[in-house]
Protein backbone atom coordinates (compact mmCIF):
# COMPACT_ATOMS: atom_id res chain seq x y z
CA MET A 1 0.00 0.00 0.00
CA SER A 2 1.32 3.45 -0.86
CA LEU A 3 1.53 6.20 1.72
CA GLU A 4 -1.46 8.54 1.97
CA CYS A 5 -2.24 11.88 3.59
CA SER A 6 -5.87 12.60 2.80
CA ASP A 7 -8.89 14.49 4.08
CA THR A 8 -11.45 12.43 5.96
CA ILE A 9 -14.28 12.64 8.50
CA PHE A 10 -13.88 11.35 12.06
CA ARG A 11 -16.87 11.38 14.43
CA ASP A 12 -18.57 13.99 12.21
CA ARG A 13 -15.48 16.21 12.46
CA ARG A 14 -13.15 17.32 9.68
CA ALA A 15 -9.92 15.37 9.91
CA ILE A 16 -6.81 14.23 8.04
CA CYS A 17 -5.62 10.61 7.82
CA LEU A 18 -1.98 9.60 7.43
CA GLN A 19 -1.82 5.97 6.41
CA SER A 20 0.63 3.25 5.38
CA ASP A 21 0.47 -0.52 5.17
CA SER A 22 1.43 -0.74 8.86
CA PHE A 23 0.01 2.35 10.60
CA GLN A 24 -2.93 4.75 10.49
CA VAL A 25 -3.05 8.14 12.22
CA VAL A 26 -6.10 10.44 12.24
CA THR A 27 -5.94 14.03 13.48
CA MET A 28 -8.72 16.59 13.60
CA THR A 29 -7.88 19.89 11.95
CA GLY A 30 -10.05 21.95 14.32
CA CYS A 31 -8.02 22.17 17.58
CA GLY A 32 -5.42 19.70 16.26
CA HIS A 33 -6.55 16.74 18.39
CA LEU A 34 -4.90 13.42 17.55
CA ALA A 35 -8.01 11.26 17.43
CA SER A 36 -6.98 7.75 16.37
CA LEU A 37 -3.92 5.49 16.15
CA ARG A 38 -4.28 1.99 14.67
CA ILE A 39 -2.20 -0.92 13.43
CA PRO A 40 -3.70 -3.59 11.15
CA ASP A 41 -3.20 -6.65 13.36
CA VAL A 42 -4.87 -5.12 16.45
CA ASP A 43 -7.66 -2.93 15.14
CA VAL A 44 -8.19 -0.94 18.36
CA ASN A 45 -7.81 2.80 18.87
CA PRO A 46 -6.17 3.32 22.29
CA LEU A 47 -7.07 7.03 22.33
CA TRP A 48 -10.26 8.16 24.02
CA GLU A 49 -13.34 8.78 21.89
CA PRO A 50 -15.91 10.69 23.99
CA PRO A 51 -19.37 9.05 24.19
CA TRP A 52 -21.11 12.34 23.36
CA PRO A 53 -21.46 13.90 19.87
CA LEU A 54 -18.60 16.17 18.77
CA ILE A 55 -18.78 19.49 16.93
CA GLU A 56 -16.28 21.78 15.25
CA PRO A 57 -14.78 24.30 17.70
CA GLY A 58 -16.05 27.23 15.66
CA ASP A 59 -19.61 25.92 15.93
CA PHE A 60 -19.78 26.07 19.73
CA ASP A 61 -22.54 28.38 20.97
CA PRO A 62 -22.88 28.69 24.79
CA ASP A 63 -26.58 29.51 24.52
CA LYS A 64 -27.19 26.44 22.38
CA HIS A 65 -24.78 23.85 23.76
CA LEU A 66 -24.70 24.33 27.55
CA ASP A 67 -27.38 21.66 28.00
CA VAL A 68 -25.20 19.16 26.11
CA TYR A 69 -21.64 19.89 27.24
CA GLY A 70 -22.10 21.86 30.46
CA PRO A 71 -20.70 25.27 31.48
CA GLY A 72 -17.07 26.29 31.81
CA GLU A 73 -15.09 23.42 30.32
CA GLY A 74 -17.97 22.62 27.97
CA ARG A 75 -16.41 24.52 25.08
CA LEU A 76 -13.34 22.27 25.19
CA LEU A 77 -15.32 19.06 25.75
CA ALA A 78 -17.55 19.77 22.75
CA SER A 79 -14.69 19.06 20.35
CA LEU A 80 -12.27 17.07 22.49
CA ALA A 81 -10.85 13.66 21.60
CA GLY A 82 -7.73 11.61 22.17
CA HIS A 83 -4.45 13.51 22.45
CA ASN A 84 -4.91 17.27 22.67
CA LEU A 85 -2.36 20.02 23.23
CA CYS A 86 -2.60 22.29 26.29
CA LEU A 87 -0.85 25.60 25.52
CA ASN A 88 -0.12 28.07 27.09
CA HIS A 89 -1.95 26.86 30.19
CA PHE A 90 -2.72 23.47 31.74
CA GLY A 91 -5.57 23.50 34.22
CA ASP A 92 -8.65 25.28 35.54
CA LEU A 93 -9.76 28.89 35.28
CA THR A 94 -10.48 31.49 37.95
CA GLU A 95 -13.94 33.00 38.28
CA THR A 96 -12.83 36.14 36.46
CA GLU A 97 -11.22 34.10 33.66
CA GLU A 98 -14.45 32.17 33.23
CA ALA A 99 -16.43 35.41 33.17
CA ALA A 100 -14.07 36.65 30.45
CA HIS A 101 -14.75 33.46 28.44
CA GLY A 102 -11.22 32.17 28.93
CA TYR A 103 -9.98 28.83 27.67
CA TYR A 104 -9.65 25.71 29.80
CA HIS A 105 -6.21 24.20 29.14
CA GLY A 106 -5.20 27.24 27.10
CA GLU A 107 -5.99 28.50 23.63
CA ALA A 108 -4.49 25.69 21.55
CA PRO A 109 -7.11 22.97 22.22
CA ASN A 110 -10.03 25.38 21.85
CA LEU A 111 -9.33 27.26 18.60
CA PRO A 112 -9.32 26.24 14.92
CA TRP A 113 -5.97 25.24 13.42
CA THR A 114 -4.66 25.92 9.91
CA VAL A 115 -3.27 23.24 7.61
CA PHE A 116 -0.11 24.54 5.93
CA GLU A 117 1.02 21.41 4.08
CA GLN A 118 -0.12 17.84 3.57
CA LYS A 119 1.59 15.42 1.21
CA ALA A 120 2.66 11.83 0.70
CA ASP A 121 5.40 10.29 -1.41
CA ALA A 122 7.35 7.03 -1.39
CA ASP A 123 9.30 8.02 1.73
CA GLU A 124 6.73 9.51 4.09
CA ALA A 125 3.28 10.94 4.66
CA LYS A 126 3.48 14.40 6.19
CA LEU A 127 1.14 16.99 7.70
CA ASP A 128 2.12 20.47 8.88
CA TYR A 129 -0.52 22.42 10.82
CA GLY A 130 -0.89 24.81 13.72
CA LEU A 131 -2.22 28.16 14.94
CA ASP A 132 -1.37 31.51 16.49
CA LEU A 133 -2.34 32.09 20.13
CA PRO A 134 -3.51 35.73 20.36
CA ASP A 135 -3.71 35.93 24.15
CA ALA A 136 -0.36 34.23 24.80
CA GLN A 137 1.25 35.92 21.77
CA MET A 138 2.74 32.64 20.63
CA ARG A 139 2.86 30.75 17.35
CA PHE A 140 2.59 26.97 17.32
CA ARG A 141 3.36 24.59 14.46
CA ARG A 142 3.24 20.78 14.51
CA THR A 143 4.51 18.39 11.84
CA LEU A 144 3.34 14.76 11.78
CA ARG A 145 5.20 12.10 9.80
CA ILE A 146 4.84 8.38 9.25
CA ARG A 147 7.12 6.12 7.18
CA PRO A 148 6.56 2.81 5.38
CA GLY A 149 6.94 -0.37 7.41
CA GLU A 150 6.82 1.44 10.77
CA SER A 151 4.22 1.93 13.48
CA THR A 152 5.91 5.12 14.68
CA LEU A 153 4.41 8.61 14.56
CA TYR A 154 7.05 11.34 14.45
CA LEU A 155 5.93 14.63 16.00
CA SER A 156 7.89 17.87 15.66
CA GLU A 157 6.45 20.87 17.52
CA ARG A 158 7.70 24.44 17.35
CA THR A 159 6.44 27.09 19.78
CA THR A 160 7.54 30.67 19.14
CA ASN A 161 7.34 33.49 21.65
CA LEU A 162 6.28 36.53 19.61
CA LYS A 163 6.85 38.93 22.53
CA ARG A 164 9.97 40.84 23.49
CA THR A 165 9.71 39.52 27.05
CA ASP A 166 10.36 36.03 28.39
CA ALA A 167 7.22 33.94 28.84
CA PRO A 168 6.19 30.89 30.85
CA PHE A 169 6.18 27.75 28.73
CA CYS A 170 3.13 25.79 29.94
CA CYS A 171 2.87 22.97 27.41
CA GLN A 172 1.18 19.67 28.24
CA GLN A 173 0.51 16.76 25.88
CA HIS A 174 -2.94 15.84 27.16
CA VAL A 175 -2.96 12.19 26.06
CA THR A 176 -6.28 10.64 27.06
CA LEU A 177 -6.91 6.92 26.60
CA GLY A 178 -10.24 5.11 26.54
CA PRO A 179 -12.05 1.77 26.24
CA PRO A 180 -11.61 -0.93 25.15
CA PHE A 181 -7.88 -0.22 25.54
CA VAL A 182 -8.50 1.11 29.05
CA GLU A 183 -9.78 -1.82 31.10
CA GLY A 184 -10.01 -2.03 34.89
CA GLY A 185 -7.47 -4.37 36.46
CA VAL A 186 -5.86 -5.07 33.07
CA SER A 187 -4.42 -1.90 31.53
CA GLN A 188 -1.03 -0.97 32.97
CA LEU A 189 1.12 2.17 32.88
CA ASP A 190 4.91 2.17 33.12
CA LEU A 191 7.11 5.25 33.28
CA PRO A 192 10.56 6.14 34.69
CA ALA A 193 9.71 7.94 37.94
CA ARG A 194 10.72 7.70 41.59
CA LYS A 195 8.55 10.33 43.26
CA GLY A 196 5.23 12.09 42.82
CA GLN A 197 2.54 14.22 44.42
CA THR A 198 -1.19 13.61 44.69
CA SER A 199 -3.63 16.27 43.47
CA SER A 200 -3.59 19.49 45.46
CA ALA A 201 -7.29 19.07 46.32
CA SER A 202 -9.61 16.09 46.58
CA LEU A 203 -11.85 15.43 43.59
CA GLY A 204 -14.76 14.46 45.83
CA SER A 205 -16.26 11.41 47.50
CA THR A 206 -15.17 9.09 44.69
CA ASP A 207 -11.52 10.19 45.02
CA PRO A 208 -9.66 7.51 47.04
CA LEU A 209 -6.34 9.38 47.34
CA ALA A 210 -5.16 11.57 50.20
CA PRO A 211 -4.79 15.06 48.65
CA ASP A 212 -1.56 17.02 48.33
CA GLN A 213 0.76 14.31 49.57
CA PRO A 214 4.19 13.29 48.28
CA TYR A 215 4.66 9.62 47.49
CA ALA A 216 7.16 7.14 46.08
CA TRP A 217 6.03 6.10 42.60
CA PRO A 218 3.83 4.16 41.99
CA ASP A 219 2.33 3.78 45.50
CA ALA A 220 0.11 6.79 46.27
CA PRO A 221 -1.40 7.26 49.77
CA GLN A 222 -5.13 6.68 50.20
CA ARG A 223 -7.49 8.58 52.51
CA ALA A 224 -8.62 5.34 54.10
CA GLY A 225 -5.06 4.23 54.73
CA GLY A 226 -2.63 2.15 52.76
CA THR A 227 -1.50 2.91 49.22
CA ARG A 228 -2.77 2.47 45.68
CA ASP A 229 -0.64 1.23 42.78
CA LEU A 230 -1.05 3.92 40.10
CA ARG A 231 0.29 1.62 37.38
CA VAL A 232 -2.95 -0.36 37.13
CA TYR A 233 -6.24 1.15 35.97
CA PRO A 234 -8.87 0.83 38.76
CA GLU A 235 -11.79 -1.57 38.55
CA GLU A 236 -14.14 0.35 40.86
CA ARG A 237 -16.06 3.57 40.20
CA CYS A 238 -13.70 6.43 41.03
CA ALA A 239 -12.10 9.69 39.90
CA PHE A 240 -8.69 10.94 40.99
CA GLY A 241 -5.42 12.42 39.82
CA ALA A 242 -1.72 12.53 40.66
CA THR A 243 1.60 13.84 39.35
CA ALA A 244 4.91 12.06 38.78
CA LEU A 245 8.35 13.61 38.19
CA LEU A 246 10.09 11.66 35.45
CA GLU A 247 13.69 10.48 35.63
CA PRO A 248 15.84 10.77 32.48
CA ASP A 249 17.61 7.77 31.02
CA GLU A 250 21.17 7.83 29.69
CA GLU A 251 19.94 9.55 26.52
CA GLY A 252 17.90 12.13 28.44
CA CYS A 253 14.56 10.64 27.41
CA GLY A 254 11.33 10.14 29.28
CA PHE A 255 8.54 7.82 28.27
CA THR A 256 5.03 6.67 29.06
CA ALA A 257 4.02 3.12 28.15
CA VAL A 258 0.46 1.82 28.53
CA SER A 259 -0.33 -1.79 27.69
CA ASN A 260 -3.42 -3.96 27.52
CA PRO A 261 -2.13 -7.54 27.27
CA ARG A 262 -5.63 -8.96 26.80
CA LEU A 263 -5.87 -6.97 23.56
CA GLY A 264 -2.16 -7.48 22.83
CA LEU A 265 -1.51 -3.76 22.40
CA LEU A 266 1.10 -1.32 23.75
CA LEU A 267 1.16 2.47 23.26
CA VAL A 268 4.47 4.23 23.94
CA TYR A 269 5.35 7.91 23.87
CA VAL A 270 9.07 8.77 23.96
CA PHE A 271 10.11 12.40 24.45
CA PRO A 272 12.97 14.60 25.71
CA ARG A 273 12.77 14.77 29.46
CA GLU A 274 14.39 18.23 29.41
CA ALA A 275 11.29 19.69 27.73
CA PHE A 276 8.67 17.46 29.35
CA PRO A 277 9.77 16.46 32.89
CA TRP A 278 6.27 15.94 34.34
CA THR A 279 3.53 13.36 33.90
CA SER A 280 0.04 14.15 35.19
CA LEU A 281 -2.39 11.25 35.62
CA TRP A 282 -6.15 11.56 35.48
CA PHE A 283 -8.50 8.66 36.23
CA GLU A 284 -12.20 8.99 35.41
CA HIS A 285 -14.11 5.72 35.74
CA LYS A 286 -17.86 6.38 35.67
CA ALA A 287 -17.62 8.70 38.68
CA SER A 288 -18.40 12.21 37.42
CA ASP A 289 -22.17 12.61 37.09
CA PHE A 290 -22.18 16.17 35.69
CA LEU A 291 -22.48 17.13 32.01
CA PRO A 292 -21.34 15.73 29.69
CA TYR A 293 -19.84 12.77 31.61
CA ASN A 294 -23.14 11.66 33.18
CA GLY A 295 -21.50 8.87 35.18
CA LYS A 296 -20.86 6.83 32.02
CA THR A 297 -17.36 7.84 30.96
CA THR A 298 -14.14 5.84 31.31
CA THR A 299 -10.88 7.65 30.57
CA TRP A 300 -7.24 7.52 31.56
CA GLY A 301 -5.24 10.71 31.15
CA VAL A 302 -1.49 10.06 30.87
CA GLU A 303 -0.40 13.63 30.22
CA PHE A 304 3.27 14.57 29.88
CA GLY A 305 4.71 18.05 29.56
CA SER A 306 6.39 21.04 31.15
CA VAL A 307 3.73 21.62 33.85
CA ALA A 308 3.56 19.85 37.19
CA GLN A 309 -0.18 19.94 37.93
CA PRO A 310 -3.44 20.98 36.21
CA VAL A 311 -4.26 24.00 38.37
CA LYS A 312 -5.03 27.68 37.81
CA LEU A 313 -2.31 29.51 35.88
CA MET A 314 -1.37 31.96 38.65
CA GLU A 315 -1.00 29.05 41.05
CA THR A 316 1.36 27.33 38.63
CA LEU A 317 3.42 30.51 38.28
CA THR A 318 3.60 31.47 41.98
CA ALA A 319 3.59 28.21 43.96
CA GLY A 320 7.32 27.58 43.67
CA PRO A 321 9.10 24.28 42.95
CA LEU A 322 7.40 20.92 43.44
CA LEU A 323 9.44 17.87 44.44
CA GLY A 324 12.53 20.03 43.95
CA ALA A 325 11.77 20.86 40.31
CA PRO A 326 10.26 23.89 38.52
CA ARG A 327 6.50 23.68 37.97
CA PHE A 328 6.71 25.09 34.43
CA GLY A 329 9.18 25.91 31.67
CA THR A 330 10.40 29.22 30.22
CA LEU A 331 10.38 30.39 26.60
CA PRO A 332 12.75 33.34 26.10
CA ALA A 333 11.71 36.49 24.28
CA LEU A 334 11.61 36.12 20.48
CA HIS A 335 12.77 32.49 20.69
CA THR A 336 11.41 29.21 19.39
CA ILE A 337 11.50 25.93 21.26
CA GLU A 338 11.38 22.84 19.07
CA VAL A 339 10.50 19.46 20.57
CA ASN A 340 10.78 16.21 18.61
CA TYR A 341 9.09 13.15 20.09
CA GLN A 342 7.36 9.93 19.04
CA ALA A 343 4.25 7.82 19.57
CA LEU A 344 4.60 4.09 18.85
CA LEU A 345 1.95 1.37 18.70
CA LEU A 346 3.18 -2.21 19.18
CA LYS A 347 1.80 -5.71 19.53
CA VAL A 348 2.55 -7.55 22.79
CA PRO A 349 1.88 -11.12 23.98
CA SER A 350 -1.13 -11.87 26.20
CA ASP A 351 1.10 -12.44 29.24
CA TRP A 352 2.99 -9.15 28.84
CA GLN A 353 4.15 -7.79 32.22
CA GLY A 354 4.79 -4.16 31.30
CA VAL A 355 7.73 -2.04 30.11
CA GLU A 356 11.00 -1.84 32.00
CA HIS A 357 12.73 0.59 29.65
CA ILE A 358 12.81 1.89 26.07
CA GLU A 359 15.87 1.69 23.85
CA HIS A 360 16.79 2.60 20.28
CA ARG A 361 19.33 0.40 18.50
CA ASP A 362 20.17 -0.53 14.92
CA GLY A 363 17.26 1.40 13.44
CA GLU A 364 14.65 0.00 15.84
CA THR A 365 12.83 1.23 18.92
CA ILE A 366 12.75 -1.56 21.51
CA ALA A 367 10.38 -1.89 24.47
CA TRP A 368 11.91 -4.27 27.02
CA GLU A 369 9.52 -6.23 29.23
CA THR A 370 9.61 -5.89 32.99
CA GLY A 371 11.28 -8.85 34.71
CA SER A 372 12.30 -10.73 31.56
CA ASN A 373 14.52 -10.54 28.50
CA ARG A 374 11.58 -10.32 26.08
CA SER A 375 11.01 -7.24 23.95
CA VAL A 376 8.82 -5.87 21.17
CA THR A 377 10.12 -3.61 18.41
CA THR A 378 9.26 -1.42 15.45
CA PRO A 379 11.63 0.06 12.86
CA SER A 380 12.14 3.78 13.52
CA ASN A 381 14.53 6.68 13.42
CA TRP A 382 15.49 8.16 16.78
CA ARG A 383 14.32 11.77 16.61
CA ILE A 384 14.06 12.67 20.30
CA SER A 385 15.38 16.18 20.93
CA THR A 386 14.67 19.70 22.08
CA THR A 387 16.33 22.97 21.05
CA THR A 388 15.71 26.62 21.83
CA ALA A 389 16.92 29.25 19.36
CA PRO A 390 16.28 32.91 18.46
CA SER A 391 13.49 33.55 15.99
CA THR A 392 12.86 36.39 13.56
CA PRO A 393 10.86 39.25 15.18
């Protein structure tokens, strides 16, 4: 099969599909959400597809859609799916920000994006798209690439500070996973961390974790005593969150690896730890009964980026270090930060025990199994890097 980069429709939304004989990637053009990743032998999309109907971001009307998507975050939820980009904020709004019709998780996941280039030839399928952020005075561009014979998605993201003053860099890859890939007691997360912090406030009666407590990954303290292993998706009805500070490997990389051995599927993101030192976890298993969740939604947010916790922006900027590390990054005046990272989809055996570490060798990315010498691989180039350089005013 030849490589393709073509317009399509996904969940009644305008989208673009990059496809080869071994990999299919679908991204929505409005808000840039990565909506679907699939390989032929395991025809399951690990990314979350909301159970409610989706609309284009430009079609959202508060007077018309509040009864469907709810107030506040409803604008984002009306078009949300899969992996979305939070920029230049990750978290809630204040009352005054809500009154000013501000954007939950920043402007990037709420505004239309522009497609600048889409093409396919014998070597790769490629899409270049992005947007300008008027409030943050930033410019964002993302390039997606896939290559023949690989199940690797190459992502290159460039964020430019258009101001003549330094700016906070609050960039979070809001990767949200869903059923059937997310399955209670089966789906497992592995990442290179030693310490973490539970959410700064309890999420309510269905939140089992003790709030605002440090812990040793992956065992988070519970309100009722004891600890909970955050690697395994919960079986009971609950909603909670936590943060982990990633440790770099010898090549300076971080990763998140979520597997469902019953389905035989593993999703890995590999990224430069220098740019994205934090992972924020969000568990929602049929616990939130407000719109549009209605107590029926199962999601697992495995969100990596430059921000420690999904809180109000001023709290992020003024709270000081967490676990001995900065809570956010910095983008210098009139500079561009470029981050190159990857998403890989791999088959695993039904008795897979999780990922110990990720390695690149001899033109392959290798996921090594925990407690054994088994591994799974896909051909790939190793394009994991971050650079910051001056840009043209």
